[in-house]
Amino acid sequence: MGNCCVAGASSDKATFKWSIDNFSSLLDKGEGWINSRVFKIMGHDWHLRLNPMDRNSDGEECVSLRLVRSKASVEPNTIVDTSFRLIIYDQSYGKHSEHHVSHTFHTASTSSGKSCMIRLAKLKNSSGFVINDNCVFGVKFIKVVTTKAKTASEKFYVKNTSTLPEVKDAYTWCIADFFGMENEGYSPEFTAGGYKWSIYLNKEENHISLYLKKMINDLPEDYAVLVEYTLSIKNQEGGKHFITKGRTQFSNNYPTWGFEKVVSMEDIQDSSNGYLVKTKCCIEAEVKLIGSSRMK
């Protein structure tokens, strides 16, 4: 058995060719990936990865090829949008096996992914892909565009509850005629943690949704407040309340947070729950500011 020899690797401005002599010896080694040498094209370092005895989705042996951006070439917050062709060269007739790939390379994605190029049986039985036990693979770049990733960062501050007293503001909205109100409505404004809030109720598809809304856009544009809040439908007969809890950042752009379809109208009207006394329904909001954040 001869040794596998990688020979004659060459490149131009947009194409890299990888010529492998004693290709049958590589097949004798069985399934497994082999890397080409690193080459530089269009300002980046790359290498090809070849598995000559891979499996396709039908379980057939196939020759797989992929393009990898060398880790030494990867820079943080850099995106490389590429378009290229992976090629197995037909050395006799020029009827190459080509696979077009578009891939975005970045820190977490340095490989183009596996591409089953051709069934191994077809490659071995061809009259052009393997000549004198030599097989040639390659990649031809069509487009390489490098950009800096647009990133945003947030500095987050959470209050130390062990040293600060717990301040929780509560407000109860009593709706005198629950069935007489429209499908949606807001409570009167109330103050909690120095900000104006309102409870928003929406009746939809035989359920109700409950939300807490910050009413005035009085925060800096890059600022948000972290709020721990509870929205409860009160059991007015002294039983168990229906309680939902959230912990969310409220900002000028996103001032409303809450819970969709939290309870059915059937449960609201069930007298054993105590949510309605005649037609009165009471909803309580407890609001506690526990932190803040600022975007950079």
C-alpha atoms as a PDB file:
ATOM      1  CA  MET A   1       0.000   0.000   0.000  1.00  0.00           C
ATOM      2  CA  GLY A   2       1.441   3.385  -0.952  1.00  0.00           C
ATOM      3  CA  ASN A   3       1.413   6.506   1.166  1.00  0.00           C
ATOM      4  CA  CYS A   4      -1.129   9.238   0.669  1.00  0.00           C
ATOM      5  CA  CYS A   5       0.541  12.318  -0.744  1.00  0.00           C
ATOM      6  CA  VAL A   6      -0.872  15.823  -1.000  1.00  0.00           C
ATOM      7  CA  ALA A   7       0.739  17.364  -4.060  1.00  0.00           C
ATOM      8  CA  GLY A   8       0.663  20.459  -6.151  1.00  0.00           C
ATOM      9  CA  ALA A   9      -1.583  22.721  -4.064  1.00  0.00           C
ATOM     10  CA  SER A  10      -1.882  25.962  -6.023  1.00  0.00           C
ATOM     11  CA  SER A  11      -3.943  29.121  -5.903  1.00  0.00           C
ATOM     12  CA  ASP A  12      -4.701  32.276  -7.860  1.00  0.00           C
ATOM     13  CA  LYS A  13      -6.638  35.355  -6.763  1.00  0.00           C
ATOM     14  CA  ALA A  14      -9.941  33.543  -6.376  1.00  0.00           C
ATOM     15  CA  THR A  15      -9.332  29.789  -6.745  1.00  0.00           C
ATOM     16  CA  PHE A  16      -7.506  27.170  -4.706  1.00  0.00           C
ATOM     17  CA  LYS A  17      -6.791  23.704  -6.150  1.00  0.00           C
ATOM     18  CA  TRP A  18      -5.874  20.731  -3.978  1.00  0.00           C
ATOM     19  CA  SER A  19      -4.354  17.808  -5.884  1.00  0.00           C
ATOM     20  CA  ILE A  20      -4.121  14.479  -4.043  1.00  0.00           C
ATOM     21  CA  ASP A  21      -1.889  11.683  -5.394  1.00  0.00           C
ATOM     22  CA  ASN A  22      -2.375   8.051  -4.320  1.00  0.00           C
ATOM     23  CA  PHE A  23      -6.053   8.819  -3.754  1.00  0.00           C
ATOM     24  CA  SER A  24      -6.822   5.097  -3.339  1.00  0.00           C
ATOM     25  CA  SER A  25      -4.493   5.025  -0.323  1.00  0.00           C
ATOM     26  CA  LEU A  26      -6.581   7.754   1.267  1.00  0.00           C
ATOM     27  CA  LEU A  27      -9.707   5.664   0.656  1.00  0.00           C
ATOM     28  CA  ASP A  28      -8.005   2.669   2.270  1.00  0.00           C
ATOM     29  CA  LYS A  29      -7.744   4.679   5.483  1.00  0.00           C
ATOM     30  CA  GLY A  30     -11.545   4.754   5.689  1.00  0.00           C
ATOM     31  CA  GLU A  31     -13.920   7.422   6.909  1.00  0.00           C
ATOM     32  CA  GLY A  32     -12.406  10.588   8.356  1.00  0.00           C
ATOM     33  CA  TRP A  33     -11.634  14.223   7.641  1.00  0.00           C
ATOM     34  CA  ILE A  34      -8.363  15.496   6.191  1.00  0.00           C
ATOM     35  CA  ASN A  35      -7.325  19.151   5.942  1.00  0.00           C
ATOM     36  CA  SER A  36      -5.552  20.935   3.126  1.00  0.00           C
ATOM     37  CA  ARG A  37      -2.780  23.379   3.912  1.00  0.00           C
ATOM     38  CA  VAL A  38      -3.869  26.898   4.856  1.00  0.00           C
ATOM     39  CA  PHE A  39      -4.098  29.337   1.938  1.00  0.00           C
ATOM     40  CA  LYS A  40      -4.861  33.047   1.748  1.00  0.00           C
ATOM     41  CA  ILE A  41      -7.472  34.416  -0.644  1.00  0.00           C
ATOM     42  CA  MET A  42      -9.173  37.832  -0.542  1.00  0.00           C
ATOM     43  CA  GLY A  43      -7.493  38.809   2.694  1.00  0.00           C
ATOM     44  CA  HIS A  44      -8.455  35.763   4.746  1.00  0.00           C
ATOM     45  CA  ASP A  45      -6.851  32.437   5.655  1.00  0.00           C
ATOM     46  CA  TRP A  46      -8.770  29.303   4.674  1.00  0.00           C
ATOM     47  CA  HIS A  47      -8.403  25.560   4.311  1.00  0.00           C
ATOM     48  CA  LEU A  48     -10.459  22.798   2.730  1.00  0.00           C
ATOM     49  CA  ARG A  49     -11.677  19.760   4.659  1.00  0.00           C
ATOM     50  CA  LEU A  50     -12.290  16.512   2.809  1.00  0.00           C
ATOM     51  CA  ASN A  51     -13.982  13.298   3.891  1.00  0.00           C
ATOM     52  CA  PRO A  52     -13.751  10.789   1.009  1.00  0.00           C
ATOM     53  CA  MET A  53     -15.950   8.197   2.718  1.00  0.00           C
ATOM     54  CA  ASP A  54     -18.768  10.190   4.291  1.00  0.00           C
ATOM     55  CA  ARG A  55     -22.476   9.260   4.250  1.00  0.00           C
ATOM     56  CA  ASN A  56     -25.293  11.192   2.627  1.00  0.00           C
ATOM     57  CA  SER A  57     -28.880  11.394   3.921  1.00  0.00           C
ATOM     58  CA  ASP A  58     -29.696   8.093   2.169  1.00  0.00           C
ATOM     59  CA  GLY A  59     -26.811   6.315   3.892  1.00  0.00           C
ATOM     60  CA  GLU A  60     -24.750   6.067   0.694  1.00  0.00           C
ATOM     61  CA  GLU A  61     -20.998   6.611   0.776  1.00  0.00           C
ATOM     62  CA  CYS A  62     -20.163  10.016  -0.635  1.00  0.00           C
ATOM     63  CA  VAL A  63     -17.276  12.446  -0.939  1.00  0.00           C
ATOM     64  CA  SER A  64     -17.815  15.513   1.278  1.00  0.00           C
ATOM     65  CA  LEU A  65     -16.010  18.809   1.052  1.00  0.00           C
ATOM     66  CA  ARG A  66     -16.246  21.951   3.135  1.00  0.00           C
ATOM     67  CA  LEU A  67     -14.519  25.310   3.413  1.00  0.00           C
ATOM     68  CA  VAL A  68     -13.129  26.407   6.774  1.00  0.00           C
ATOM     69  CA  ARG A  69     -11.939  29.849   7.792  1.00  0.00           C
ATOM     70  CA  SER A  70      -8.698  29.410   9.704  1.00  0.00           C
ATOM     71  CA  LYS A  71      -9.026  30.308  13.389  1.00  0.00           C
ATOM     72  CA  ALA A  72      -5.914  32.470  13.148  1.00  0.00           C
ATOM     73  CA  SER A  73      -7.845  34.649  10.665  1.00  0.00           C
ATOM     74  CA  VAL A  74     -10.959  35.053  12.819  1.00  0.00           C
ATOM     75  CA  GLU A  75     -11.367  38.449  14.460  1.00  0.00           C
ATOM     76  CA  PRO A  76     -13.979  39.272  17.129  1.00  0.00           C
ATOM     77  CA  ASN A  77     -17.061  41.126  15.892  1.00  0.00           C
ATOM     78  CA  THR A  78     -16.125  40.528  12.244  1.00  0.00           C
ATOM     79  CA  ILE A  79     -18.549  39.028   9.724  1.00  0.00           C
ATOM     80  CA  VAL A  80     -17.416  37.594   6.385  1.00  0.00           C
ATOM     81  CA  ASP A  81     -20.228  37.072   3.871  1.00  0.00           C
ATOM     82  CA  THR A  82     -19.123  34.677   1.153  1.00  0.00           C
ATOM     83  CA  SER A  83     -20.316  33.020  -2.003  1.00  0.00           C
ATOM     84  CA  PHE A  84     -18.178  30.250  -3.504  1.00  0.00           C
ATOM     85  CA  ARG A  85     -18.156  26.980  -5.422  1.00  0.00           C
ATOM     86  CA  LEU A  86     -16.743  23.746  -4.025  1.00  0.00           C
ATOM     87  CA  ILE A  87     -15.344  21.713  -6.912  1.00  0.00           C
ATOM     88  CA  ILE A  88     -14.236  18.187  -7.799  1.00  0.00           C
ATOM     89  CA  TYR A  89     -12.409  18.567 -11.109  1.00  0.00           C
ATOM     90  CA  ASP A  90     -13.138  16.370 -14.117  1.00  0.00           C
ATOM     91  CA  GLN A  91      -9.617  16.190 -15.504  1.00  0.00           C
ATOM     92  CA  SER A  92     -10.660  14.665 -18.830  1.00  0.00           C
ATOM     93  CA  TYR A  93     -13.825  16.384 -19.997  1.00  0.00           C
ATOM     94  CA  GLY A  94     -14.164  19.474 -17.813  1.00  0.00           C
ATOM     95  CA  LYS A  95     -17.543  18.335 -16.502  1.00  0.00           C
ATOM     96  CA  HIS A  96     -16.680  19.238 -12.934  1.00  0.00           C
ATOM     97  CA  SER A  97     -18.830  18.405  -9.932  1.00  0.00           C
ATOM     98  CA  GLU A  98     -19.651  21.794  -8.405  1.00  0.00           C
ATOM     99  CA  HIS A  99     -21.640  22.820  -5.366  1.00  0.00           C
ATOM    100  CA  HIS A 100     -22.565  26.495  -4.859  1.00  0.00           C
ATOM    101  CA  VAL A 101     -22.495  27.699  -1.242  1.00  0.00           C
ATOM    102  CA  SER A 102     -23.388  30.996   0.416  1.00  0.00           C
ATOM    103  CA  HIS A 103     -22.202  31.230   3.995  1.00  0.00           C
ATOM    104  CA  THR A 104     -21.585  33.883   6.634  1.00  0.00           C
ATOM    105  CA  PHE A 105     -18.418  33.221   8.588  1.00  0.00           C
ATOM    106  CA  HIS A 106     -18.018  34.671  12.067  1.00  0.00           C
ATOM    107  CA  THR A 107     -16.561  33.732  15.449  1.00  0.00           C
ATOM    108  CA  ALA A 108     -19.123  31.015  16.136  1.00  0.00           C
ATOM    109  CA  SER A 109     -19.312  29.748  12.548  1.00  0.00           C
ATOM    110  CA  THR A 110     -15.908  29.082  11.013  1.00  0.00           C
ATOM    111  CA  SER A 111     -17.001  26.170   8.791  1.00  0.00           C
ATOM    112  CA  SER A 112     -19.296  26.236   5.779  1.00  0.00           C
ATOM    113  CA  GLY A 113     -20.860  22.960   6.842  1.00  0.00           C
ATOM    114  CA  LYS A 114     -20.730  19.541   5.232  1.00  0.00           C
ATOM    115  CA  SER A 115     -21.406  19.326   1.521  1.00  0.00           C
ATOM    116  CA  CYS A 116     -21.838  15.867   0.025  1.00  0.00           C
ATOM    117  CA  MET A 117     -20.422  16.546  -3.408  1.00  0.00           C
ATOM    118  CA  ILE A 118     -20.776  13.201  -5.193  1.00  0.00           C
ATOM    119  CA  ARG A 119     -21.429   9.537  -4.466  1.00  0.00           C
ATOM    120  CA  LEU A 120     -18.145   7.705  -3.937  1.00  0.00           C
ATOM    121  CA  ALA A 121     -19.129   4.955  -6.387  1.00  0.00           C
ATOM    122  CA  LYS A 122     -19.706   7.537  -9.123  1.00  0.00           C
ATOM    123  CA  LEU A 123     -16.356   9.177  -8.427  1.00  0.00           C
ATOM    124  CA  LYS A 124     -14.448   5.865  -8.540  1.00  0.00           C
ATOM    125  CA  ASN A 125     -16.197   4.689 -11.711  1.00  0.00           C
ATOM    126  CA  SER A 126     -15.750   7.950 -13.593  1.00  0.00           C
ATOM    127  CA  SER A 127     -13.218   8.371 -16.370  1.00  0.00           C
ATOM    128  CA  GLY A 128     -12.297  11.924 -15.425  1.00  0.00           C
ATOM    129  CA  PHE A 129     -12.438  12.539 -11.684  1.00  0.00           C
ATOM    130  CA  VAL A 130      -9.603  10.123 -10.850  1.00  0.00           C
ATOM    131  CA  ILE A 131      -6.697  10.032 -13.334  1.00  0.00           C
ATOM    132  CA  ASN A 132      -3.616   7.918 -12.543  1.00  0.00           C
ATOM    133  CA  ASP A 133      -4.840   7.681  -8.935  1.00  0.00           C
ATOM    134  CA  ASN A 134      -4.908  11.471  -8.704  1.00  0.00           C
ATOM    135  CA  CYS A 135      -7.970  13.486  -7.675  1.00  0.00           C
ATOM    136  CA  VAL A 136      -8.220  17.283  -7.645  1.00  0.00           C
ATOM    137  CA  PHE A 137     -10.486  19.304  -5.358  1.00  0.00           C
ATOM    138  CA  GLY A 138     -10.868  23.041  -5.107  1.00  0.00           C
ATOM    139  CA  VAL A 139     -12.800  26.141  -4.171  1.00  0.00           C
ATOM    140  CA  LYS A 140     -13.564  29.162  -6.347  1.00  0.00           C
ATOM    141  CA  PHE A 141     -14.588  32.341  -4.545  1.00  0.00           C
ATOM    142  CA  ILE A 142     -17.302  34.478  -6.092  1.00  0.00           C
ATOM    143  CA  LYS A 143     -17.816  37.044  -3.329  1.00  0.00           C
ATOM    144  CA  VAL A 144     -16.106  37.856  -0.034  1.00  0.00           C
ATOM    145  CA  VAL A 145     -17.443  40.867   1.886  1.00  0.00           C
ATOM    146  CA  THR A 146     -16.016  41.688   5.311  1.00  0.00           C
ATOM    147  CA  THR A 147     -17.918  43.909   7.748  1.00  0.00           C
ATOM    148  CA  LYS A 148     -17.792  44.728  11.402  1.00  0.00           C
ATOM    149  CA  ALA A 149     -20.667  43.254  13.380  1.00  0.00           C
ATOM    150  CA  LYS A 150     -23.122  45.804  14.701  1.00  0.00           C
ATOM    151  CA  THR A 151     -23.250  45.073  18.402  1.00  0.00           C
ATOM    152  CA  ALA A 152     -25.004  46.629  21.350  1.00  0.00           C
ATOM    153  CA  SER A 153     -24.128  46.225  24.987  1.00  0.00           C
ATOM    154  CA  GLU A 154     -26.044  46.777  28.177  1.00  0.00           C
ATOM    155  CA  LYS A 155     -24.824  47.645  31.648  1.00  0.00           C
ATOM    156  CA  PHE A 156     -27.210  46.138  34.148  1.00  0.00           C
ATOM    157  CA  TYR A 157     -27.600  47.101  37.816  1.00  0.00           C
ATOM    158  CA  VAL A 158     -29.642  45.164  40.368  1.00  0.00           C
ATOM    159  CA  LYS A 159     -30.347  46.643  43.776  1.00  0.00           C
ATOM    160  CA  ASN A 160     -28.854  44.902  46.799  1.00  0.00           C
ATOM    161  CA  THR A 161     -31.911  43.705  48.682  1.00  0.00           C
ATOM    162  CA  SER A 162     -29.853  42.791  51.749  1.00  0.00           C
ATOM    163  CA  THR A 163     -28.950  46.438  52.407  1.00  0.00           C
ATOM    164  CA  LEU A 164     -31.946  48.267  50.944  1.00  0.00           C
ATOM    165  CA  PRO A 165     -35.431  48.121  52.465  1.00  0.00           C
ATOM    166  CA  GLU A 166     -38.044  46.385  50.322  1.00  0.00           C
ATOM    167  CA  VAL A 167     -40.462  48.971  48.959  1.00  0.00           C
ATOM    168  CA  LYS A 168     -43.430  47.597  47.110  1.00  0.00           C
ATOM    169  CA  ASP A 169     -46.258  49.840  45.915  1.00  0.00           C
ATOM    170  CA  ALA A 170     -49.724  48.370  45.413  1.00  0.00           C
ATOM    171  CA  TYR A 171     -52.808  49.657  43.615  1.00  0.00           C
ATOM    172  CA  THR A 172     -56.245  48.047  43.289  1.00  0.00           C
ATOM    173  CA  TRP A 173     -58.496  48.727  40.319  1.00  0.00           C
ATOM    174  CA  CYS A 174     -62.120  47.870  41.017  1.00  0.00           C
ATOM    175  CA  ILE A 175     -64.288  47.613  37.916  1.00  0.00           C
ATOM    176  CA  ALA A 176     -67.854  48.193  39.013  1.00  0.00           C
ATOM    177  CA  ASP A 177     -69.481  46.681  35.906  1.00  0.00           C
ATOM    178  CA  PHE A 178     -67.061  44.121  34.470  1.00  0.00           C
ATOM    179  CA  PHE A 179     -69.449  43.021  31.709  1.00  0.00           C
ATOM    180  CA  GLY A 180     -70.360  46.586  30.841  1.00  0.00           C
ATOM    181  CA  MET A 181     -66.773  47.641  30.087  1.00  0.00           C
ATOM    182  CA  GLU A 182     -65.450  47.469  26.545  1.00  0.00           C
ATOM    183  CA  ASN A 183     -63.199  44.660  25.355  1.00  0.00           C
ATOM    184  CA  GLU A 184     -60.164  46.564  26.560  1.00  0.00           C
ATOM    185  CA  GLY A 185     -59.528  49.238  29.096  1.00  0.00           C
ATOM    186  CA  TYR A 186     -57.008  50.985  31.332  1.00  0.00           C
ATOM    187  CA  SER A 187     -57.177  51.612  35.040  1.00  0.00           C
ATOM    188  CA  PRO A 188     -56.686  55.108  36.395  1.00  0.00           C
ATOM    189  CA  GLU A 189     -53.025  56.058  36.637  1.00  0.00           C
ATOM    190  CA  PHE A 190     -51.191  55.323  39.864  1.00  0.00           C
ATOM    191  CA  THR A 191     -47.683  56.056  41.133  1.00  0.00           C
ATOM    192  CA  ALA A 192     -45.176  53.336  42.032  1.00  0.00           C
ATOM    193  CA  GLY A 193     -41.428  53.717  42.458  1.00  0.00           C
ATOM    194  CA  GLY A 194     -41.641  57.322  41.326  1.00  0.00           C
ATOM    195  CA  TYR A 195     -43.240  56.487  37.949  1.00  0.00           C
ATOM    196  CA  LYS A 196     -46.795  56.577  36.588  1.00  0.00           C
ATOM    197  CA  TRP A 197     -48.400  53.223  35.732  1.00  0.00           C
ATOM    198  CA  SER A 198     -51.702  51.753  34.615  1.00  0.00           C
ATOM    199  CA  ILE A 199     -53.228  48.282  34.520  1.00  0.00           C
ATOM    200  CA  TYR A 200     -54.325  47.283  31.030  1.00  0.00           C
ATOM    201  CA  LEU A 201     -57.027  44.612  30.636  1.00  0.00           C
ATOM    202  CA  ASN A 202     -58.004  43.011  27.336  1.00  0.00           C
ATOM    203  CA  LYS A 203     -60.890  40.606  26.771  1.00  0.00           C
ATOM    204  CA  GLU A 204     -60.202  38.304  23.830  1.00  0.00           C
ATOM    205  CA  GLU A 205     -61.449  34.882  22.695  1.00  0.00           C
ATOM    206  CA  ASN A 206     -63.185  34.114  25.984  1.00  0.00           C
ATOM    207  CA  HIS A 207     -60.060  34.923  27.980  1.00  0.00           C
ATOM    208  CA  ILE A 208     -58.646  38.021  29.578  1.00  0.00           C
ATOM    209  CA  SER A 209     -55.097  39.316  29.298  1.00  0.00           C
ATOM    210  CA  LEU A 210     -53.446  41.500  31.934  1.00  0.00           C
ATOM    211  CA  TYR A 211     -50.601  43.982  31.464  1.00  0.00           C
ATOM    212  CA  LEU A 212     -48.730  46.656  33.367  1.00  0.00           C
ATOM    213  CA  LYS A 213     -48.048  49.830  31.374  1.00  0.00           C
ATOM    214  CA  LYS A 214     -45.604  52.622  32.174  1.00  0.00           C
ATOM    215  CA  MET A 215     -47.596  55.672  31.165  1.00  0.00           C
ATOM    216  CA  ILE A 216     -45.069  58.480  30.558  1.00  0.00           C
ATOM    217  CA  ASN A 217     -41.942  58.300  28.382  1.00  0.00           C
ATOM    218  CA  ASP A 218     -39.820  60.083  30.973  1.00  0.00           C
ATOM    219  CA  LEU A 219     -36.760  57.803  30.836  1.00  0.00           C
ATOM    220  CA  PRO A 220     -33.551  58.589  28.939  1.00  0.00           C
ATOM    221  CA  GLU A 221     -33.621  56.863  25.547  1.00  0.00           C
ATOM    222  CA  ASP A 222     -30.836  54.443  26.471  1.00  0.00           C
ATOM    223  CA  TYR A 223     -32.240  53.656  29.934  1.00  0.00           C
ATOM    224  CA  ALA A 224     -34.615  51.035  31.346  1.00  0.00           C
ATOM    225  CA  VAL A 225     -35.926  50.148  34.795  1.00  0.00           C
ATOM    226  CA  LEU A 226     -36.086  46.580  36.044  1.00  0.00           C
ATOM    227  CA  VAL A 227     -39.450  45.968  37.658  1.00  0.00           C
ATOM    228  CA  GLU A 228     -40.747  43.065  39.698  1.00  0.00           C
ATOM    229  CA  TYR A 229     -44.513  43.112  39.485  1.00  0.00           C
ATOM    230  CA  THR A 230     -47.595  41.098  40.364  1.00  0.00           C
ATOM    231  CA  LEU A 231     -51.007  41.331  38.703  1.00  0.00           C
ATOM    232  CA  SER A 232     -53.777  39.671  40.690  1.00  0.00           C
ATOM    233  CA  ILE A 233     -57.480  39.102  40.228  1.00  0.00           C
ATOM    234  CA  LYS A 234     -58.787  39.389  43.782  1.00  0.00           C
ATOM    235  CA  ASN A 235     -60.981  36.806  45.410  1.00  0.00           C
ATOM    236  CA  GLN A 236     -63.369  39.255  47.055  1.00  0.00           C
ATOM    237  CA  GLU A 237     -64.802  36.622  49.375  1.00  0.00           C
ATOM    238  CA  GLY A 238     -61.541  36.033  51.190  1.00  0.00           C
ATOM    239  CA  GLY A 239     -60.299  33.046  49.249  1.00  0.00           C
ATOM    240  CA  LYS A 240     -57.317  32.472  47.009  1.00  0.00           C
ATOM    241  CA  HIS A 241     -56.454  35.238  44.551  1.00  0.00           C
ATOM    242  CA  PHE A 242     -55.451  34.585  40.939  1.00  0.00           C
ATOM    243  CA  ILE A 243     -51.821  35.791  40.780  1.00  0.00           C
ATOM    244  CA  THR A 244     -49.379  36.322  37.911  1.00  0.00           C
ATOM    245  CA  LYS A 245     -45.816  37.540  38.432  1.00  0.00           C
ATOM    246  CA  GLY A 246     -43.203  39.090  36.163  1.00  0.00           C
ATOM    247  CA  ARG A 247     -39.709  40.577  36.271  1.00  0.00           C
ATOM    248  CA  THR A 248     -39.084  42.754  33.229  1.00  0.00           C
ATOM    249  CA  GLN A 249     -37.266  45.855  32.007  1.00  0.00           C
ATOM    250  CA  PHE A 250     -39.556  48.752  31.078  1.00  0.00           C
ATOM    251  CA  SER A 251     -38.276  51.417  28.672  1.00  0.00           C
ATOM    252  CA  ASN A 252     -39.724  54.164  26.494  1.00  0.00           C
ATOM    253  CA  ASN A 253     -39.761  51.815  23.499  1.00  0.00           C
ATOM    254  CA  TYR A 254     -41.248  48.880  25.427  1.00  0.00           C
ATOM    255  CA  PRO A 255     -43.450  50.340  28.170  1.00  0.00           C
ATOM    256  CA  THR A 256     -46.034  47.527  28.375  1.00  0.00           C
ATOM    257  CA  TRP A 257     -45.458  44.009  29.682  1.00  0.00           C
ATOM    258  CA  GLY A 258     -47.751  41.353  31.062  1.00  0.00           C
ATOM    259  CA  PHE A 259     -49.568  38.122  30.446  1.00  0.00           C
ATOM    260  CA  GLU A 260     -51.675  36.992  27.509  1.00  0.00           C
ATOM    261  CA  LYS A 261     -54.885  34.987  28.049  1.00  0.00           C
ATOM    262  CA  VAL A 262     -54.157  34.320  31.703  1.00  0.00           C
ATOM    263  CA  VAL A 263     -57.630  33.252  32.772  1.00  0.00           C
ATOM    264  CA  SER A 264     -60.813  32.207  30.989  1.00  0.00           C
ATOM    265  CA  MET A 265     -64.085  34.081  31.186  1.00  0.00           C
ATOM    266  CA  GLU A 266     -65.595  30.854  32.482  1.00  0.00           C
ATOM    267  CA  ASP A 267     -63.282  30.957  35.491  1.00  0.00           C
ATOM    268  CA  ILE A 268     -64.014  34.647  36.015  1.00  0.00           C
ATOM    269  CA  GLN A 269     -67.722  33.902  36.171  1.00  0.00           C
ATOM    270  CA  ASP A 270     -67.351  30.817  38.365  1.00  0.00           C
ATOM    271  CA  SER A 271     -68.862  31.982  41.662  1.00  0.00           C
ATOM    272  CA  SER A 272     -66.670  29.580  43.658  1.00  0.00           C
ATOM    273  CA  ASN A 273     -63.606  31.626  42.690  1.00  0.00           C
ATOM    274  CA  GLY A 274     -64.962  34.870  44.155  1.00  0.00           C
ATOM    275  CA  TYR A 275     -63.587  36.969  41.306  1.00  0.00           C
ATOM    276  CA  LEU A 276     -66.966  38.607  40.712  1.00  0.00           C
ATOM    277  CA  VAL A 277     -69.294  40.029  43.354  1.00  0.00           C
ATOM    278  CA  LYS A 278     -72.393  40.842  41.384  1.00  0.00           C
ATOM    279  CA  THR A 279     -70.593  42.572  38.488  1.00  0.00           C
ATOM    280  CA  LYS A 280     -67.601  43.994  40.372  1.00  0.00           C
ATOM    281  CA  CYS A 281     -64.109  42.701  39.618  1.00  0.00           C
ATOM    282  CA  CYS A 282     -60.977  43.903  41.426  1.00  0.00           C
ATOM    283  CA  ILE A 283     -57.475  43.708  39.952  1.00  0.00           C
ATOM    284  CA  GLU A 284     -54.407  44.556  42.005  1.00  0.00           C
ATOM    285  CA  ALA A 285     -50.960  45.574  40.796  1.00  0.00           C
ATOM    286  CA  GLU A 286     -47.922  45.361  43.054  1.00  0.00           C
ATOM    287  CA  VAL A 287     -44.877  47.143  41.620  1.00  0.00           C
ATOM    288  CA  LYS A 288     -41.315  47.053  42.936  1.00  0.00           C
ATOM    289  CA  LEU A 289     -38.293  48.630  41.201  1.00  0.00           C
ATOM    290  CA  ILE A 290     -35.301  46.334  41.672  1.00  0.00           C
ATOM    291  CA  GLY A 291     -32.751  47.600  39.166  1.00  0.00           C
ATOM    292  CA  SER A 292     -31.904  49.525  36.029  1.00  0.00           C
ATOM    293  CA  SER A 293     -29.854  49.271  32.878  1.00  0.00           C
ATOM    294  CA  ARG A 294     -28.235  51.512  30.300  1.00  0.00           C
ATOM    295  CA  MET A 295     -27.373  50.651  26.692  1.00  0.00           C
ATOM    296  CA  LYS A 296     -23.932  51.568  25.440  1.00  0.00           C
END
